[in-house]
Amino acid sequence: MLVGPVELLVLSFPQENADPGVIAAVQEVVEAGFVTVLDLVFLSRSSTGEIREIDVSEKLDDVGLGHLEIQEQALISEDDLDLARDILEPGHSAAVIVYENSWARTVSGAIAEAGGELTLHVRIPRDVVEAALEAAEMD
């Protein structure tokens, strides 16, 4: 089975439901085939501190995630959820998402068939890239 790189994200929202614009953007890249959502758990903390947790097998419609296509693999660990719970502020929510970079499946397969391997993968933060681009424009 060919698999592209798999990553975990925690998307935080300053309200108790997911932001519809962000979810629409995620759905767009899923529908385009760039990523495959493999697992998702939605967390919210009420203003009184109570945590609500909804995983992919439950009603995600209630929090604005019902239309998101998810493969339903159990890849999010309790440790992952503990980290997300620890940073969740009252009145806020978070979507813990494990996704595959589907676009890289074919490339990963070709590299493996050639006897090669991915030897370095560096994630450059968006703000660092934006600063570098701005600096290049000033030159």
N, C-alpha and C. Protein backbone atom coordinates (compact mmCIF):
# COMPACT_ATOMS: atom_id res chain seq x y z
N MET A 1 0.83 -1.19 0.00
CA MET A 1 0.00 0.00 0.00
C MET A 1 0.87 1.25 0.00
N LEU A 2 0.67 2.09 -0.98
CA LEU A 2 1.42 3.34 -1.05
C LEU A 2 0.78 4.37 -0.12
N VAL A 3 1.62 5.05 0.63
CA VAL A 3 1.15 6.09 1.54
C VAL A 3 2.08 7.28 1.41
N GLY A 4 1.48 8.46 1.30
CA GLY A 4 2.28 9.68 1.31
C GLY A 4 2.62 10.05 2.74
N PRO A 5 3.36 11.12 2.93
CA PRO A 5 3.68 11.56 4.29
C PRO A 5 2.40 11.83 5.09
N VAL A 6 2.41 11.45 6.35
CA VAL A 6 1.26 11.63 7.23
C VAL A 6 1.66 12.62 8.33
N GLU A 7 0.75 13.57 8.60
CA GLU A 7 1.04 14.60 9.58
C GLU A 7 -0.15 14.79 10.51
N LEU A 8 0.12 15.37 11.67
CA LEU A 8 -0.92 15.69 12.64
C LEU A 8 -0.95 17.20 12.81
N LEU A 9 -2.15 17.77 12.78
CA LEU A 9 -2.36 19.20 13.02
C LEU A 9 -3.33 19.39 14.17
N VAL A 10 -3.17 20.47 14.89
CA VAL A 10 -4.19 20.91 15.83
C VAL A 10 -4.59 22.30 15.37
N LEU A 11 -5.83 22.42 14.88
CA LEU A 11 -6.37 23.70 14.43
C LEU A 11 -7.21 24.28 15.55
N SER A 12 -6.87 25.46 16.04
CA SER A 12 -7.58 26.07 17.16
C SER A 12 -8.51 27.17 16.68
N PHE A 13 -9.64 27.30 17.36
CA PHE A 13 -10.64 28.29 17.00
C PHE A 13 -11.05 29.07 18.26
N PRO A 14 -11.28 30.39 18.13
CA PRO A 14 -11.64 31.20 19.30
C PRO A 14 -13.13 31.15 19.63
N GLN A 15 -13.78 30.06 19.29
CA GLN A 15 -15.18 29.82 19.64
C GLN A 15 -15.36 28.32 19.84
N GLU A 16 -16.54 27.91 20.28
CA GLU A 16 -16.74 26.50 20.63
C GLU A 16 -17.08 25.61 19.43
N ASN A 17 -17.17 26.16 18.23
CA ASN A 17 -17.38 25.37 17.01
C ASN A 17 -16.29 25.69 16.02
N ALA A 18 -16.10 24.81 15.05
CA ALA A 18 -15.10 25.01 14.02
C ALA A 18 -15.50 26.17 13.12
N ASP A 19 -14.53 26.92 12.62
CA ASP A 19 -14.80 28.03 11.71
C ASP A 19 -15.18 27.49 10.34
N PRO A 20 -16.35 27.87 9.82
CA PRO A 20 -16.81 27.34 8.54
C PRO A 20 -15.86 27.62 7.38
N GLY A 21 -15.21 28.78 7.38
CA GLY A 21 -14.27 29.10 6.31
C GLY A 21 -13.05 28.19 6.30
N VAL A 22 -12.55 27.87 7.49
CA VAL A 22 -11.39 26.97 7.59
C VAL A 22 -11.79 25.57 7.15
N ILE A 23 -12.95 25.11 7.60
CA ILE A 23 -13.40 23.77 7.23
C ILE A 23 -13.64 23.69 5.72
N ALA A 24 -14.18 24.74 5.12
CA ALA A 24 -14.38 24.76 3.66
C ALA A 24 -13.04 24.68 2.94
N ALA A 25 -12.02 25.35 3.47
CA ALA A 25 -10.69 25.30 2.85
C ALA A 25 -10.10 23.89 2.96
N VAL A 26 -10.27 23.25 4.12
CA VAL A 26 -9.79 21.87 4.28
C VAL A 26 -10.53 20.95 3.31
N GLN A 27 -11.84 21.10 3.22
CA GLN A 27 -12.64 20.27 2.31
C GLN A 27 -12.19 20.46 0.86
N GLU A 28 -11.84 21.68 0.51
CA GLU A 28 -11.38 21.98 -0.85
C GLU A 28 -10.11 21.20 -1.20
N VAL A 29 -9.13 21.16 -0.29
CA VAL A 29 -7.89 20.44 -0.59
C VAL A 29 -8.11 18.93 -0.54
N VAL A 30 -9.10 18.47 0.26
CA VAL A 30 -9.45 17.04 0.26
C VAL A 30 -10.07 16.67 -1.08
N GLU A 31 -11.05 17.47 -1.53
CA GLU A 31 -11.73 17.18 -2.79
C GLU A 31 -10.79 17.26 -3.99
N ALA A 32 -9.78 18.11 -3.90
CA ALA A 32 -8.80 18.23 -4.98
C ALA A 32 -7.81 17.06 -4.99
N GLY A 33 -7.82 16.25 -3.93
CA GLY A 33 -6.93 15.10 -3.86
C GLY A 33 -5.55 15.40 -3.31
N PHE A 34 -5.35 16.59 -2.78
CA PHE A 34 -4.04 16.95 -2.23
C PHE A 34 -3.79 16.27 -0.89
N VAL A 35 -4.84 16.16 -0.07
CA VAL A 35 -4.72 15.51 1.23
C VAL A 35 -5.87 14.54 1.44
N THR A 36 -5.65 13.56 2.30
CA THR A 36 -6.69 12.64 2.74
C THR A 36 -6.74 12.73 4.25
N VAL A 37 -7.90 13.10 4.80
CA VAL A 37 -8.04 13.15 6.25
C VAL A 37 -8.24 11.72 6.74
N LEU A 38 -7.33 11.27 7.60
CA LEU A 38 -7.35 9.90 8.09
C LEU A 38 -8.02 9.76 9.45
N ASP A 39 -7.95 10.80 10.26
CA ASP A 39 -8.56 10.76 11.58
C ASP A 39 -8.82 12.19 12.03
N LEU A 40 -9.82 12.35 12.88
CA LEU A 40 -10.17 13.68 13.38
C LEU A 40 -10.88 13.54 14.71
N VAL A 41 -10.49 14.38 15.65
CA VAL A 41 -11.18 14.51 16.93
C VAL A 41 -11.38 16.00 17.16
N PHE A 42 -12.61 16.36 17.48
CA PHE A 42 -12.93 17.76 17.76
C PHE A 42 -13.08 17.94 19.26
N LEU A 43 -12.43 18.96 19.79
CA LEU A 43 -12.48 19.27 21.22
C LEU A 43 -12.99 20.69 21.40
N SER A 44 -13.76 20.91 22.43
CA SER A 44 -14.11 22.28 22.81
C SER A 44 -14.15 22.36 24.33
N ARG A 45 -13.81 23.54 24.82
CA ARG A 45 -13.84 23.78 26.27
C ARG A 45 -14.85 24.90 26.51
N SER A 46 -15.85 24.61 27.31
CA SER A 46 -16.87 25.61 27.63
C SER A 46 -16.26 26.71 28.49
N SER A 47 -17.00 27.79 28.66
CA SER A 47 -16.52 28.89 29.50
C SER A 47 -16.36 28.46 30.95
N THR A 48 -17.03 27.37 31.33
CA THR A 48 -16.89 26.85 32.70
C THR A 48 -15.79 25.80 32.82
N GLY A 49 -15.12 25.49 31.69
CA GLY A 49 -14.00 24.57 31.72
C GLY A 49 -14.30 23.14 31.32
N GLU A 50 -15.57 22.81 31.07
CA GLU A 50 -15.91 21.45 30.67
C GLU A 50 -15.44 21.18 29.24
N ILE A 51 -14.87 20.00 29.02
CA ILE A 51 -14.38 19.64 27.69
C ILE A 51 -15.36 18.68 27.03
N ARG A 52 -15.69 19.03 25.80
CA ARG A 52 -16.52 18.16 24.94
C ARG A 52 -15.58 17.58 23.89
N GLU A 53 -15.72 16.28 23.65
CA GLU A 53 -14.84 15.59 22.69
C GLU A 53 -15.71 14.78 21.73
N ILE A 54 -15.51 14.99 20.44
CA ILE A 54 -16.28 14.28 19.42
C ILE A 54 -15.29 13.70 18.42
N ASP A 55 -15.36 12.38 18.19
CA ASP A 55 -14.47 11.79 17.19
C ASP A 55 -15.24 11.50 15.91
N VAL A 56 -14.56 10.96 14.91
CA VAL A 56 -15.15 10.79 13.58
C VAL A 56 -16.36 9.86 13.57
N SER A 57 -16.50 9.00 14.56
CA SER A 57 -17.64 8.08 14.57
C SER A 57 -18.90 8.73 15.16
N GLU A 58 -18.78 9.96 15.65
CA GLU A 58 -19.90 10.64 16.27
C GLU A 58 -20.45 11.75 15.37
N LYS A 59 -21.38 12.52 15.86
CA LYS A 59 -22.05 13.56 15.07
C LYS A 59 -21.18 14.81 14.93
N LEU A 60 -20.41 14.86 13.87
CA LEU A 60 -19.58 16.03 13.61
C LEU A 60 -20.40 17.19 13.04
N ASP A 61 -21.63 16.92 12.59
CA ASP A 61 -22.50 17.98 12.07
C ASP A 61 -22.72 19.06 13.13
N ASP A 62 -22.82 18.65 14.37
CA ASP A 62 -23.12 19.59 15.46
C ASP A 62 -22.05 20.66 15.64
N VAL A 63 -20.83 20.40 15.16
CA VAL A 63 -19.74 21.36 15.33
C VAL A 63 -19.23 21.90 13.99
N GLY A 64 -19.95 21.63 12.90
CA GLY A 64 -19.59 22.18 11.60
C GLY A 64 -18.64 21.35 10.78
N LEU A 65 -18.43 20.09 11.17
CA LEU A 65 -17.47 19.23 10.46
C LEU A 65 -18.12 18.06 9.73
N GLY A 66 -19.44 18.06 9.64
CA GLY A 66 -20.17 16.94 9.09
C GLY A 66 -19.91 16.66 7.62
N HIS A 67 -19.55 17.68 6.84
CA HIS A 67 -19.35 17.50 5.40
C HIS A 67 -17.92 17.12 5.03
N LEU A 68 -17.03 17.11 6.01
CA LEU A 68 -15.63 16.80 5.74
C LEU A 68 -15.46 15.30 5.50
N GLU A 69 -14.85 14.95 4.39
CA GLU A 69 -14.61 13.54 4.06
C GLU A 69 -13.43 13.02 4.88
N ILE A 70 -13.68 11.95 5.65
CA ILE A 70 -12.67 11.39 6.56
C ILE A 70 -12.60 9.89 6.36
N GLN A 71 -11.38 9.33 6.29
CA GLN A 71 -11.18 7.90 6.06
C GLN A 71 -11.42 7.05 7.31
N GLU A 72 -11.49 7.65 8.47
CA GLU A 72 -11.75 6.99 9.76
C GLU A 72 -10.73 5.90 10.12
N GLN A 73 -9.49 6.29 10.20
CA GLN A 73 -8.42 5.44 10.73
C GLN A 73 -8.15 5.90 12.16
N ALA A 74 -7.88 5.01 13.06
CA ALA A 74 -7.63 5.38 14.46
C ALA A 74 -6.15 5.70 14.65
N LEU A 75 -5.77 6.94 14.36
CA LEU A 75 -4.36 7.32 14.41
C LEU A 75 -4.04 8.37 15.47
N ILE A 76 -5.04 9.03 16.01
CA ILE A 76 -4.80 10.04 17.03
C ILE A 76 -4.71 9.34 18.38
N SER A 77 -3.59 9.55 19.06
CA SER A 77 -3.37 8.88 20.35
C SER A 77 -3.93 9.70 21.51
N GLU A 78 -4.02 9.08 22.63
CA GLU A 78 -4.45 9.77 23.85
C GLU A 78 -3.43 10.85 24.21
N ASP A 79 -2.14 10.61 23.96
CA ASP A 79 -1.12 11.63 24.20
C ASP A 79 -1.35 12.86 23.32
N ASP A 80 -1.72 12.63 22.05
CA ASP A 80 -2.03 13.75 21.16
C ASP A 80 -3.18 14.57 21.72
N LEU A 81 -4.21 13.88 22.18
CA LEU A 81 -5.39 14.56 22.73
C LEU A 81 -5.05 15.29 24.02
N ASP A 82 -4.20 14.70 24.85
CA ASP A 82 -3.78 15.37 26.08
C ASP A 82 -3.11 16.70 25.77
N LEU A 83 -2.24 16.71 24.77
CA LEU A 83 -1.57 17.96 24.38
C LEU A 83 -2.57 19.00 23.93
N ALA A 84 -3.54 18.58 23.11
CA ALA A 84 -4.56 19.51 22.63
C ALA A 84 -5.43 20.02 23.78
N ARG A 85 -5.80 19.13 24.68
CA ARG A 85 -6.62 19.53 25.83
C ARG A 85 -5.89 20.56 26.70
N ASP A 86 -4.57 20.34 26.87
CA ASP A 86 -3.78 21.22 27.73
C ASP A 86 -3.71 22.65 27.21
N ILE A 87 -3.75 22.84 25.90
CA ILE A 87 -3.64 24.19 25.34
C ILE A 87 -5.00 24.83 25.05
N LEU A 88 -6.07 24.09 25.24
CA LEU A 88 -7.41 24.57 24.91
C LEU A 88 -7.93 25.52 25.99
N GLU A 89 -8.18 26.76 25.60
CA GLU A 89 -8.68 27.77 26.53
C GLU A 89 -10.20 27.71 26.64
N PRO A 90 -10.76 28.18 27.74
CA PRO A 90 -12.22 28.23 27.87
C PRO A 90 -12.85 29.04 26.73
N GLY A 91 -13.97 28.51 26.19
CA GLY A 91 -14.65 29.17 25.09
C GLY A 91 -14.03 28.93 23.73
N HIS A 92 -13.01 28.10 23.68
CA HIS A 92 -12.30 27.80 22.43
C HIS A 92 -12.52 26.34 22.03
N SER A 93 -12.11 26.03 20.81
CA SER A 93 -12.21 24.65 20.32
C SER A 93 -10.97 24.33 19.49
N ALA A 94 -10.82 23.05 19.19
CA ALA A 94 -9.70 22.60 18.37
C ALA A 94 -10.10 21.34 17.61
N ALA A 95 -9.61 21.26 16.39
CA ALA A 95 -9.77 20.04 15.60
C ALA A 95 -8.39 19.40 15.50
N VAL A 96 -8.28 18.19 16.02
CA VAL A 96 -7.04 17.42 15.91
C VAL A 96 -7.20 16.56 14.68
N ILE A 97 -6.34 16.77 13.70
CA ILE A 97 -6.50 16.12 12.40
C ILE A 97 -5.21 15.38 12.03
N VAL A 98 -5.35 14.11 11.64
CA VAL A 98 -4.24 13.38 11.03
C VAL A 98 -4.58 13.27 9.55
N TYR A 99 -3.65 13.71 8.72
CA TYR A 99 -3.90 13.67 7.28
C TYR A 99 -2.68 13.15 6.53
N GLU A 100 -2.96 12.61 5.38
CA GLU A 100 -1.92 12.13 4.48
C GLU A 100 -1.76 13.15 3.36
N ASN A 101 -0.52 13.45 3.01
CA ASN A 101 -0.24 14.26 1.83
C ASN A 101 -0.42 13.36 0.61
N SER A 102 -1.67 13.24 0.17
CA SER A 102 -2.02 12.29 -0.89
C SER A 102 -1.27 12.55 -2.19
N TRP A 103 -1.02 13.80 -2.48
CA TRP A 103 -0.33 14.15 -3.72
C TRP A 103 1.05 13.48 -3.78
N ALA A 104 1.64 13.15 -2.64
CA ALA A 104 3.00 12.60 -2.61
C ALA A 104 3.03 11.07 -2.71
N ARG A 105 1.86 10.43 -2.74
CA ARG A 105 1.80 8.96 -2.79
C ARG A 105 2.60 8.40 -3.96
N THR A 106 2.36 8.92 -5.15
CA THR A 106 3.04 8.43 -6.35
C THR A 106 4.54 8.66 -6.27
N VAL A 107 4.93 9.84 -5.79
CA VAL A 107 6.36 10.15 -5.66
C VAL A 107 7.01 9.23 -4.63
N SER A 108 6.32 9.01 -3.50
CA SER A 108 6.86 8.11 -2.46
C SER A 108 7.06 6.70 -3.00
N GLY A 109 6.08 6.23 -3.78
CA GLY A 109 6.19 4.91 -4.39
C GLY A 109 7.36 4.82 -5.35
N ALA A 110 7.54 5.84 -6.17
CA ALA A 110 8.64 5.84 -7.13
C ALA A 110 9.99 5.85 -6.42
N ILE A 111 10.08 6.62 -5.34
CA ILE A 111 11.33 6.67 -4.57
C ILE A 111 11.62 5.31 -3.96
N ALA A 112 10.61 4.65 -3.39
CA ALA A 112 10.80 3.32 -2.79
C ALA A 112 11.20 2.30 -3.85
N GLU A 113 10.53 2.33 -5.00
CA GLU A 113 10.86 1.39 -6.08
C GLU A 113 12.28 1.58 -6.59
N ALA A 114 12.80 2.80 -6.50
CA ALA A 114 14.16 3.09 -6.94
C ALA A 114 15.19 2.76 -5.86
N GLY A 115 14.71 2.26 -4.70
CA GLY A 115 15.61 1.95 -3.60
C GLY A 115 16.03 3.18 -2.81
N GLY A 116 15.37 4.28 -3.08
CA GLY A 116 15.70 5.53 -2.39
C GLY A 116 14.88 5.70 -1.13
N GLU A 117 15.12 6.79 -0.45
CA GLU A 117 14.36 7.12 0.74
C GLU A 117 14.36 8.63 0.94
N LEU A 118 13.38 9.10 1.64
CA LEU A 118 13.31 10.50 2.01
C LEU A 118 14.34 10.71 3.12
N THR A 119 15.34 11.53 2.87
CA THR A 119 16.41 11.70 3.86
C THR A 119 16.29 12.98 4.68
N LEU A 120 15.44 13.90 4.24
CA LEU A 120 15.24 15.12 5.00
C LEU A 120 13.88 15.69 4.66
N HIS A 121 13.13 16.08 5.68
CA HIS A 121 11.84 16.72 5.50
C HIS A 121 11.80 17.87 6.50
N VAL A 122 11.81 19.08 6.00
CA VAL A 122 11.83 20.25 6.86
C VAL A 122 10.57 21.07 6.61
N ARG A 123 9.84 21.35 7.66
CA ARG A 123 8.65 22.20 7.56
C ARG A 123 9.10 23.61 7.89
N ILE A 124 8.97 24.52 6.93
CA ILE A 124 9.35 25.92 7.14
C ILE A 124 8.09 26.70 7.50
N PRO A 125 8.08 27.35 8.66
CA PRO A 125 6.88 28.08 9.08
C PRO A 125 6.50 29.19 8.08
N ARG A 126 5.19 29.37 7.93
CA ARG A 126 4.68 30.35 6.97
C ARG A 126 5.27 31.73 7.18
N ASP A 127 5.38 32.18 8.43
CA ASP A 127 5.89 33.53 8.68
C ASP A 127 7.35 33.68 8.25
N VAL A 128 8.12 32.61 8.33
CA VAL A 128 9.52 32.64 7.89
C VAL A 128 9.58 32.78 6.36
N VAL A 129 8.73 32.03 5.66
CA VAL A 129 8.69 32.12 4.20
C VAL A 129 8.23 33.51 3.77
N GLU A 130 7.18 34.03 4.41
CA GLU A 130 6.68 35.36 4.06
C GLU A 130 7.76 36.42 4.27
N ALA A 131 8.50 36.34 5.36
CA ALA A 131 9.57 37.31 5.63
C ALA A 131 10.66 37.20 4.58
N ALA A 132 11.00 35.97 4.18
CA ALA A 132 12.04 35.79 3.15
C ALA A 132 11.58 36.34 1.81
N LEU A 133 10.31 36.14 1.48
CA LEU A 133 9.78 36.67 0.22
C LEU A 133 9.75 38.20 0.23
N GLU A 134 9.35 38.77 1.36
CA GLU A 134 9.35 40.23 1.47
C GLU A 134 10.76 40.79 1.34
N ALA A 135 11.72 40.15 1.98
CA ALA A 135 13.10 40.59 1.89
C ALA A 135 13.63 40.50 0.46
N ALA A 136 13.25 39.43 -0.26
CA ALA A 136 13.69 39.26 -1.65
C ALA A 136 13.09 40.33 -2.56
N GLU A 137 11.85 40.75 -2.27
CA GLU A 137 11.20 41.79 -3.06
C GLU A 137 11.87 43.15 -2.85
N MET A 138 12.45 43.36 -1.68
CA MET A 138 13.10 44.65 -1.37
C MET A 138 14.46 44.77 -2.04
N ASP A 139 15.06 43.65 -2.41
CA ASP A 139 16.40 43.67 -3.03
C ASP A 139 16.34 44.10 -4.46
